C-alpha cells in the first residue's frame, strides 16, 4: 500500500513539527513539560491537519511507556477493556500511555470507564479532538487533564513544508520540479492551515505534472478548498458570525466583508442575513435609525435573488453597517428595564 506524502513526511521529533510554536518553541510550558519526562494527561484540541496526532505519537514513542492507540470513530467498550487488561502486567511495567484520537466520538459511559485508571495513574491519557472539548469531553476527564489548543498553521510555515514535500517527490520520482513562488504561496494559503491537505496537493501536483513545471495555474486547479473550515452546527459557524459582528462594531469594513464572504461561500446567507438584522439595531441603533430599514431591504433583496446575486445587497448592508456611527443605547436601555422587571420593581 502506498503511503500518502503527508505520512511519509511525518516529523519524528518535536523540532520538526510544522507550526504550533506557541506550544513547541523552546522554553514554552508545553515543551518544558514534555522534556521533563513526566507526561500529564492531555487533550489536544484543534482543526484537522495541524499536528495533533503527530505530536501525540512523538510524545508516546519517547515516553518509555507501553503505547496503546485507539480511535474514537471505530473503537468500542471491548477495545477499551483490552487496554485495561494490561494494567499491572509485565508488558506494562513502565506504565501505559493511551493515545485516544477523536475522543469526542466516545459516549459518556465509555469515557467514564477510563476515569478510575486515569485517577490512580495506571493510564496516562493523550486524547485529541477537532471539537471543543468543553462541550464534547466528559467533565471529569477534563478536570484531570490539561487542554492544549492547536491552531491552523500559518502560510509561512506551510510554505516550508510544501517545499520539503516537492524535494521528497524529486527524490522519489527523479523529476526536478521547478516551483513558481506564486504557486507555493497559493497552496499555502488555499489549504486553510492544514498541513495534510497542503502535502496532498503537493503530491497531486507532482504526479500530474509531466514537465516538472509547478505553475500557479496547476496549483489553482488542484488545491483543495479548505479555508472555509465551516460547520453550520459547530464552533466555526459561531466564530465567523462573531468575527463579522466584531469587525462591524470596530468599523472595519474590509474585515467584515471577508467574514461575510466566507459565510456566502459556504452558502449560509440565512445566518448572515439574520446577524446583519441584529447588528442594525444592536450595534448601530439610534446613531443611525435608518440602518435597520436599509438592512431589511438588502436582506429581502438577497432572499428574493438567491445566490450568486444575493452577494451584492448583502455586501451593501455589510459596508453600510461597518461605516455607520455606532450606538448600543437602545439595547442597554431595554436590558436595564428588563432587569428591573425581573427584580420585581414596578410602578
Protein backbone atom coordinates (compact mmCIF):
# COMPACT_ATOMS: atom_id res chain seq x y z
CA UNK A 1 0.00 0.00 0.00
CA UNK A 2 1.37 3.41 -0.98
CA UNK A 3 1.60 5.83 1.93
CA UNK A 4 0.42 9.40 1.30
CA UNK A 5 3.14 12.03 1.14
CA UNK A 6 1.93 13.54 4.42
CA UNK A 7 2.57 10.22 6.13
CA UNK A 8 6.00 9.79 4.54
CA UNK A 9 6.98 13.28 5.73
CA UNK A 10 5.53 12.90 9.23
CA UNK A 11 8.00 14.52 11.69
CA UNK A 12 9.97 12.31 14.05
CA UNK A 13 10.83 14.99 16.64
CA UNK A 14 9.05 17.99 18.13
CA UNK A 15 11.60 20.29 16.47
CA UNK A 16 10.48 19.05 13.04
CA UNK A 17 6.77 19.77 13.58
CA UNK A 18 5.34 22.44 11.27
CA UNK A 19 3.82 25.35 13.18
CA UNK A 20 2.43 25.30 16.75
CA UNK A 21 5.32 27.37 18.04
CA UNK A 22 3.10 28.73 20.82
CA UNK A 23 3.36 25.19 22.22
CA UNK A 24 6.57 23.73 20.81
CA UNK A 25 9.09 26.58 20.81
CA UNK A 26 11.99 26.04 23.25
CA UNK A 27 11.10 27.39 26.66
CA UNK A 28 7.33 27.12 26.23
CA UNK A 29 5.43 25.45 29.05
CA UNK A 30 4.24 22.59 26.84
CA UNK A 31 7.74 21.89 25.53
CA UNK A 32 9.26 22.01 29.02
CA UNK A 33 6.57 19.66 30.33
CA UNK A 34 7.26 17.06 27.65
CA UNK A 35 11.03 17.33 28.05
CA UNK A 36 10.71 16.82 31.81
CA UNK A 37 9.79 13.18 31.18
CA UNK A 38 6.68 13.36 33.37
CA UNK A 39 3.80 13.19 30.92
CA UNK A 40 0.49 14.52 32.28
CA UNK A 41 -2.96 13.67 30.96
CA UNK A 42 -3.52 15.94 27.97
CA UNK A 43 -6.22 16.80 25.47
CA UNK A 44 -5.21 18.29 22.13
CA UNK A 45 -7.88 20.46 20.55
CA UNK A 46 -7.81 21.98 17.08
CA UNK A 47 -8.63 21.59 13.37
CA UNK A 48 -7.53 18.63 11.28
CA UNK A 49 -4.05 18.63 9.81
CA UNK A 50 -2.44 20.82 12.48
CA UNK A 51 -0.18 18.19 14.09
CA UNK A 52 -2.23 16.83 17.00
CA UNK A 53 -1.69 13.17 16.09
CA UNK A 54 1.95 13.76 15.12
CA UNK A 55 2.83 15.43 18.42
CA UNK A 56 0.99 12.75 20.40
CA UNK A 57 2.90 9.99 18.59
CA UNK A 58 6.25 11.68 19.18
CA UNK A 59 5.50 12.02 22.90
CA UNK A 60 4.27 8.44 23.14
CA UNK A 61 7.23 6.92 21.31
CA UNK A 62 9.70 8.72 23.59
CA UNK A 63 7.85 8.17 26.86
CA UNK A 64 9.18 4.69 27.70
CA UNK A 65 5.61 3.58 28.37
CA UNK A 66 3.62 0.86 26.64
CA UNK A 67 1.67 2.60 23.92
CA UNK A 68 -1.92 1.79 23.00
CA UNK A 69 -3.67 3.64 20.18
CA UNK A 70 -7.44 3.85 19.81
CA UNK A 71 -9.64 5.90 17.54
CA UNK A 72 -12.97 7.10 18.88
CA UNK A 73 -14.62 6.69 15.48
CA UNK A 74 -14.10 2.93 15.44
CA UNK A 75 -13.28 1.64 18.94
CA UNK A 76 -15.84 0.20 21.34
CA UNK A 77 -16.04 -0.73 25.00
CA UNK A 78 -14.30 -4.04 24.23
CA UNK A 79 -11.27 -2.21 22.83
CA UNK A 80 -11.01 -0.09 25.96
CA UNK A 81 -11.27 -3.18 28.19
CA UNK A 82 -8.44 -4.81 26.21
CA UNK A 83 -6.20 -1.86 27.10
CA UNK A 84 -7.18 -2.04 30.76
CA UNK A 85 -6.21 -5.74 30.93
CA UNK A 86 -2.54 -4.77 30.54
CA UNK A 87 -2.55 -2.80 33.78
CA UNK A 88 -0.24 -4.39 36.33
CA UNK A 89 1.35 -6.87 33.91
CA UNK A 90 4.99 -7.13 32.92
CA UNK A 91 4.03 -5.90 29.46
CA UNK A 92 3.16 -2.54 31.01
CA UNK A 93 5.90 -2.31 33.64
CA UNK A 94 6.79 1.24 32.57
CA UNK A 95 3.18 2.35 32.61
CA UNK A 96 0.53 2.61 29.91
CA UNK A 97 0.10 5.58 27.62
CA UNK A 98 -3.23 5.58 25.81
CA UNK A 99 -3.43 7.74 22.72
CA UNK A 100 -7.11 8.25 22.01
CA UNK A 101 -7.81 10.03 18.73
CA UNK A 102 -11.20 11.70 18.17
CA UNK A 103 -12.28 11.26 21.78
CA UNK A 104 -15.48 13.20 21.11
CA UNK A 105 -16.96 10.11 19.44
CA UNK A 106 -16.85 8.09 22.67
CA UNK A 107 -20.06 8.21 24.68
CA UNK A 108 -20.15 9.27 28.32
CA UNK A 109 -20.09 5.70 29.64
CA UNK A 110 -17.03 4.82 27.54
CA UNK A 111 -15.19 7.91 28.74
CA UNK A 112 -16.17 7.15 32.34
CA UNK A 113 -14.67 3.66 32.08
CA UNK A 114 -11.20 5.29 31.89
CA UNK A 115 -11.71 7.63 34.81
CA UNK A 116 -10.60 5.34 37.65
CA UNK A 117 -7.36 4.41 35.88
CA UNK A 118 -6.53 7.99 34.94
CA UNK A 119 -7.20 8.97 38.54
CA UNK A 120 -4.72 6.49 40.07
CA UNK A 121 -2.09 6.93 37.33
CA UNK A 122 -2.44 3.43 35.87
CA UNK A 123 -3.08 5.06 32.49
CA UNK A 124 -1.73 8.31 31.09
CA UNK A 125 -4.18 9.70 28.55
CA UNK A 126 -3.36 11.77 25.50
CA UNK A 127 -6.58 12.50 23.63
CA UNK A 128 -7.21 14.61 20.56
CA UNK A 129 -10.36 16.18 19.21
CA UNK A 130 -11.41 18.55 16.45
CA UNK A 131 -14.42 19.68 18.51
CA UNK A 132 -14.49 21.95 21.53
CA UNK A 133 -13.53 19.61 24.40
CA UNK A 134 -15.51 21.65 26.91
CA UNK A 135 -18.66 20.56 25.08
CA UNK A 136 -17.78 17.03 23.97
CA UNK A 137 -15.46 15.58 26.62
CA UNK A 138 -16.82 14.30 29.93
CA UNK A 139 -16.19 16.92 32.61
CA UNK A 140 -14.44 14.52 34.99
CA UNK A 141 -11.92 13.66 32.25
CA UNK A 142 -11.40 17.36 31.57
CA UNK A 143 -10.76 18.14 35.22
CA UNK A 144 -7.94 15.59 35.28
CA UNK A 145 -6.35 16.75 32.02
CA UNK A 146 -4.69 19.81 30.57
CA UNK A 147 -6.16 21.15 27.32
CA UNK A 148 -3.74 22.44 24.66
CA UNK A 149 -5.10 24.20 21.59
CA UNK A 150 -3.54 23.52 18.18
CA UNK A 151 -4.05 26.33 15.68
CA UNK A 152 -4.16 26.38 11.86
CA UNK A 153 -0.59 26.53 10.56
CA UNK A 154 0.44 29.90 9.20
CA UNK A 155 1.19 30.19 5.44
CA UNK A 156 4.88 30.97 6.02
CA UNK A 157 5.30 27.69 7.92
CA UNK A 158 3.26 25.80 5.35
CA UNK A 159 5.50 27.05 2.54
CA UNK A 160 8.46 25.30 4.20
CA UNK A 161 6.51 22.03 4.40
CA UNK A 162 5.37 22.38 0.79
CA UNK A 163 8.94 22.84 -0.46
CA UNK A 164 10.08 19.84 1.60
CA UNK A 165 7.28 17.86 0.01
CA UNK A 166 8.40 18.69 -3.52
CA UNK A 167 12.01 17.85 -2.56
CA UNK A 168 10.94 14.40 -1.40
CA UNK A 169 8.90 13.90 -4.55
CA UNK A 170 12.01 14.76 -6.59
CA UNK A 171 13.99 12.10 -4.70
CA UNK A 172 11.28 9.51 -5.26
CA UNK A 173 10.39 10.25 -8.89
CA UNK A 174 13.69 11.56 -10.24
CA UNK A 175 11.86 14.58 -11.71
CA UNK A 176 13.33 18.00 -10.93
CA UNK A 177 10.37 20.20 -10.05
CA UNK A 178 10.60 23.91 -10.79
CA UNK A 179 8.40 25.79 -8.36
CA UNK A 180 6.65 29.03 -9.19
CA UNK A 181 6.77 31.02 -5.94
CA UNK A 182 3.20 32.14 -6.58
CA UNK A 183 2.12 28.50 -6.83
CA UNK A 184 3.72 27.67 -3.48
CA UNK A 185 2.14 30.73 -1.97
CA UNK A 186 -1.26 29.82 -3.36
CA UNK A 187 -1.15 26.28 -1.94
CA UNK A 188 -0.03 27.59 1.46
CA UNK A 189 -2.97 29.97 1.62
CA UNK A 190 -5.56 27.81 -0.08
CA UNK A 191 -5.43 24.84 2.29
CA UNK A 192 -6.58 26.69 5.36
CA UNK A 193 -3.65 25.96 7.65
CA UNK A 194 -3.96 22.19 7.11
CA UNK A 195 -0.53 20.57 6.60
CA UNK A 196 -2.01 17.27 5.46
CA UNK A 197 -4.08 18.88 2.71
CA UNK A 198 -1.15 21.02 1.63
CA UNK A 199 1.04 17.94 1.19
CA UNK A 200 -1.78 16.05 -0.54
CA UNK A 201 -1.90 18.94 -3.01
CA UNK A 202 1.89 18.79 -3.45
CA UNK A 203 1.71 15.08 -4.23
CA UNK A 204 -1.14 15.56 -6.67
CA UNK A 205 0.69 18.41 -8.44
CA UNK A 206 3.86 16.31 -8.72
CA UNK A 207 2.06 13.24 -10.05
CA UNK A 208 0.06 15.14 -12.67
CA UNK A 209 2.88 17.41 -13.82
CA UNK A 210 4.57 16.00 -16.92
CA UNK A 211 7.29 18.60 -17.45
CA UNK A 212 8.31 19.41 -13.86
CA UNK A 213 6.87 22.93 -14.03
CA UNK A 214 4.69 23.63 -10.98
CA UNK A 215 2.75 26.66 -12.16
CA UNK A 216 0.20 28.87 -10.44
CA UNK A 217 -2.47 27.58 -12.82
CA UNK A 218 -1.75 23.97 -11.82
CA UNK A 219 -1.84 24.89 -8.12
CA UNK A 220 -5.13 26.72 -8.55
CA UNK A 221 -6.65 23.73 -10.31
CA UNK A 222 -5.58 21.15 -7.73
CA UNK A 223 -5.55 22.96 -4.39
CA UNK A 224 -8.29 21.67 -2.13
CA UNK A 225 -10.52 24.45 -0.93
CA UNK A 226 -10.36 24.04 2.81
CA UNK A 227 -10.01 27.58 4.05
CA UNK A 228 -13.76 27.69 4.68
CA UNK A 229 -13.49 25.44 7.76
CA UNK A 230 -17.21 25.80 8.19
CA UNK A 231 -19.71 23.62 10.00
CA UNK A 232 -23.16 25.12 10.41
CA UNK A 233 -23.67 23.24 13.67
CA UNK A 234 -20.14 23.66 15.04
CA UNK A 235 -17.85 26.25 16.56
CA UNK A 236 -16.68 27.69 13.23
CA UNK A 237 -20.23 28.83 12.43
CA UNK A 238 -20.45 30.94 15.56
CA UNK A 239 -16.82 32.05 15.32
CA UNK A 240 -17.42 33.51 11.85
CA UNK A 241 -20.61 35.29 12.89
CA UNK A 242 -18.87 36.66 15.98
CA UNK A 243 -15.89 37.85 13.90
CA UNK A 244 -18.27 39.52 11.45
CA UNK A 245 -20.08 41.37 14.24
CA UNK A 246 -16.84 42.46 15.93
CA UNK A 247 -15.49 43.75 12.61
CA UNK A 248 -18.63 45.82 12.00
CA UNK A 249 -18.54 47.10 15.60
CA UNK A 250 -14.93 48.13 15.02
CA UNK A 251 -15.85 49.91 11.74
CA UNK A 252 -13.51 47.63 9.77
CA UNK A 253 -15.46 47.13 6.55
CA UNK A 254 -12.71 45.10 4.86
CA UNK A 255 -12.57 42.52 7.66
CA UNK A 256 -16.38 42.45 7.79
CA UNK A 257 -16.53 41.74 4.05
CA UNK A 258 -14.00 38.91 4.48
CA UNK A 259 -16.11 37.12 7.08
CA UNK A 260 -19.31 37.80 5.13
CA UNK A 261 -17.64 36.32 2.04
CA UNK A 262 -16.78 33.13 3.94
CA UNK A 263 -20.40 32.74 5.02
CA UNK A 264 -21.61 33.43 1.47
CA UNK A 265 -19.12 30.96 0.01
CA UNK A 266 -20.44 28.35 2.45
CA UNK A 267 -23.96 29.10 1.17
CA UNK A 268 -25.23 30.28 4.55
CA UNK A 269 -26.91 33.56 3.65
CA UNK A 270 -29.70 32.93 6.19
CA UNK A 271 -27.38 33.15 9.20
CA UNK A 272 -25.58 36.11 7.65
CA UNK A 273 -28.85 37.95 6.99
CA UNK A 274 -30.16 37.31 10.48
CA UNK A 275 -26.95 38.57 12.08
CA UNK A 276 -26.96 41.74 9.94
CA UNK A 277 -30.51 42.49 11.05
CA UNK A 278 -29.46 42.09 14.69
CA UNK A 279 -26.41 44.32 14.24
CA UNK A 280 -28.51 47.08 12.65
CA UNK A 281 -30.44 47.58 15.89
CA UNK A 282 -27.94 46.28 18.44
CA UNK A 283 -24.77 47.96 17.20
CA UNK A 284 -25.94 50.91 15.09
CA UNK A 285 -29.27 51.65 16.71
CA UNK A 286 -30.23 55.25 17.42
CA UNK A 287 -26.98 56.58 15.96
CA UNK A 288 -28.49 55.89 12.52
CA UNK A 289 -32.08 54.58 12.87
CA UNK A 290 -32.48 54.17 9.10
CA UNK A 291 -29.84 51.42 9.16
CA UNK A 292 -32.45 48.88 10.24
CA UNK A 293 -34.72 49.71 7.29
CA UNK A 294 -31.87 49.68 4.78
CA UNK A 295 -30.55 46.37 6.11
CA UNK A 296 -34.04 44.84 5.96
CA UNK A 297 -34.36 45.94 2.34
CA UNK A 298 -30.95 44.46 1.46
CA UNK A 299 -31.80 41.18 3.19
CA UNK A 300 -35.18 40.97 1.41
CA UNK A 301 -33.46 41.59 -1.92
CA UNK A 302 -30.87 38.88 -1.19
CA UNK A 303 -33.52 36.33 -0.25
CA UNK A 304 -35.53 37.06 -3.38
CA UNK A 305 -32.50 36.98 -5.66
CA UNK A 306 -30.71 33.97 -4.19
CA UNK A 307 -27.05 33.24 -4.84
CA UNK A 308 -24.89 34.34 -6.57
CA UNK A 309 -26.64 37.73 -6.98
CA UNK A 310 -27.54 37.83 -3.28
CA UNK A 311 -23.92 38.65 -2.51
CA UNK A 312 -24.39 42.22 -3.82
CA UNK A 313 -27.14 43.53 -1.48
CA UNK A 314 -25.57 41.63 1.42
CA UNK A 315 -22.23 43.35 0.74
CA UNK A 316 -24.08 46.66 0.56
CA UNK A 317 -25.55 46.05 4.01
CA UNK A 318 -22.19 44.96 5.47
CA UNK A 319 -20.36 48.05 4.20
CA UNK A 320 -23.17 50.39 5.29
CA UNK A 321 -23.26 48.94 8.82
CA UNK A 322 -19.48 48.95 9.19
CA UNK A 323 -19.14 52.58 8.13
CA UNK A 324 -22.15 53.85 10.11
CA UNK A 325 -21.93 55.58 13.50
CA UNK A 326 -22.46 53.19 16.41
CA UNK A 327 -24.75 53.26 19.42
CA UNK A 328 -25.97 50.50 21.71
CA UNK A 329 -28.13 52.82 23.83
CA UNK A 330 -31.40 51.10 22.84
CA UNK A 331 -30.04 47.68 23.82
CA UNK A 332 -28.70 48.96 27.14
CA UNK A 333 -31.98 50.75 27.89
CA UNK A 334 -34.24 47.74 27.31
CA UNK A 335 -31.84 45.43 29.20
CA UNK A 336 -31.96 47.79 32.19
CA UNK A 337 -35.76 47.87 32.04
CA UNK A 338 -35.94 44.07 31.83
CA UNK A 339 -33.60 43.78 34.81
CA UNK A 340 -35.96 45.97 36.83
CA UNK A 341 -38.93 43.80 35.87
CA UNK A 342 -37.11 40.60 36.77
CA UNK A 343 -36.15 42.10 40.14
CA UNK A 344 -39.81 42.78 40.93
CA UNK A 345 -39.71 46.53 40.56
CA UNK A 346 -42.95 48.12 39.41
CA UNK A 347 -44.68 51.46 39.38
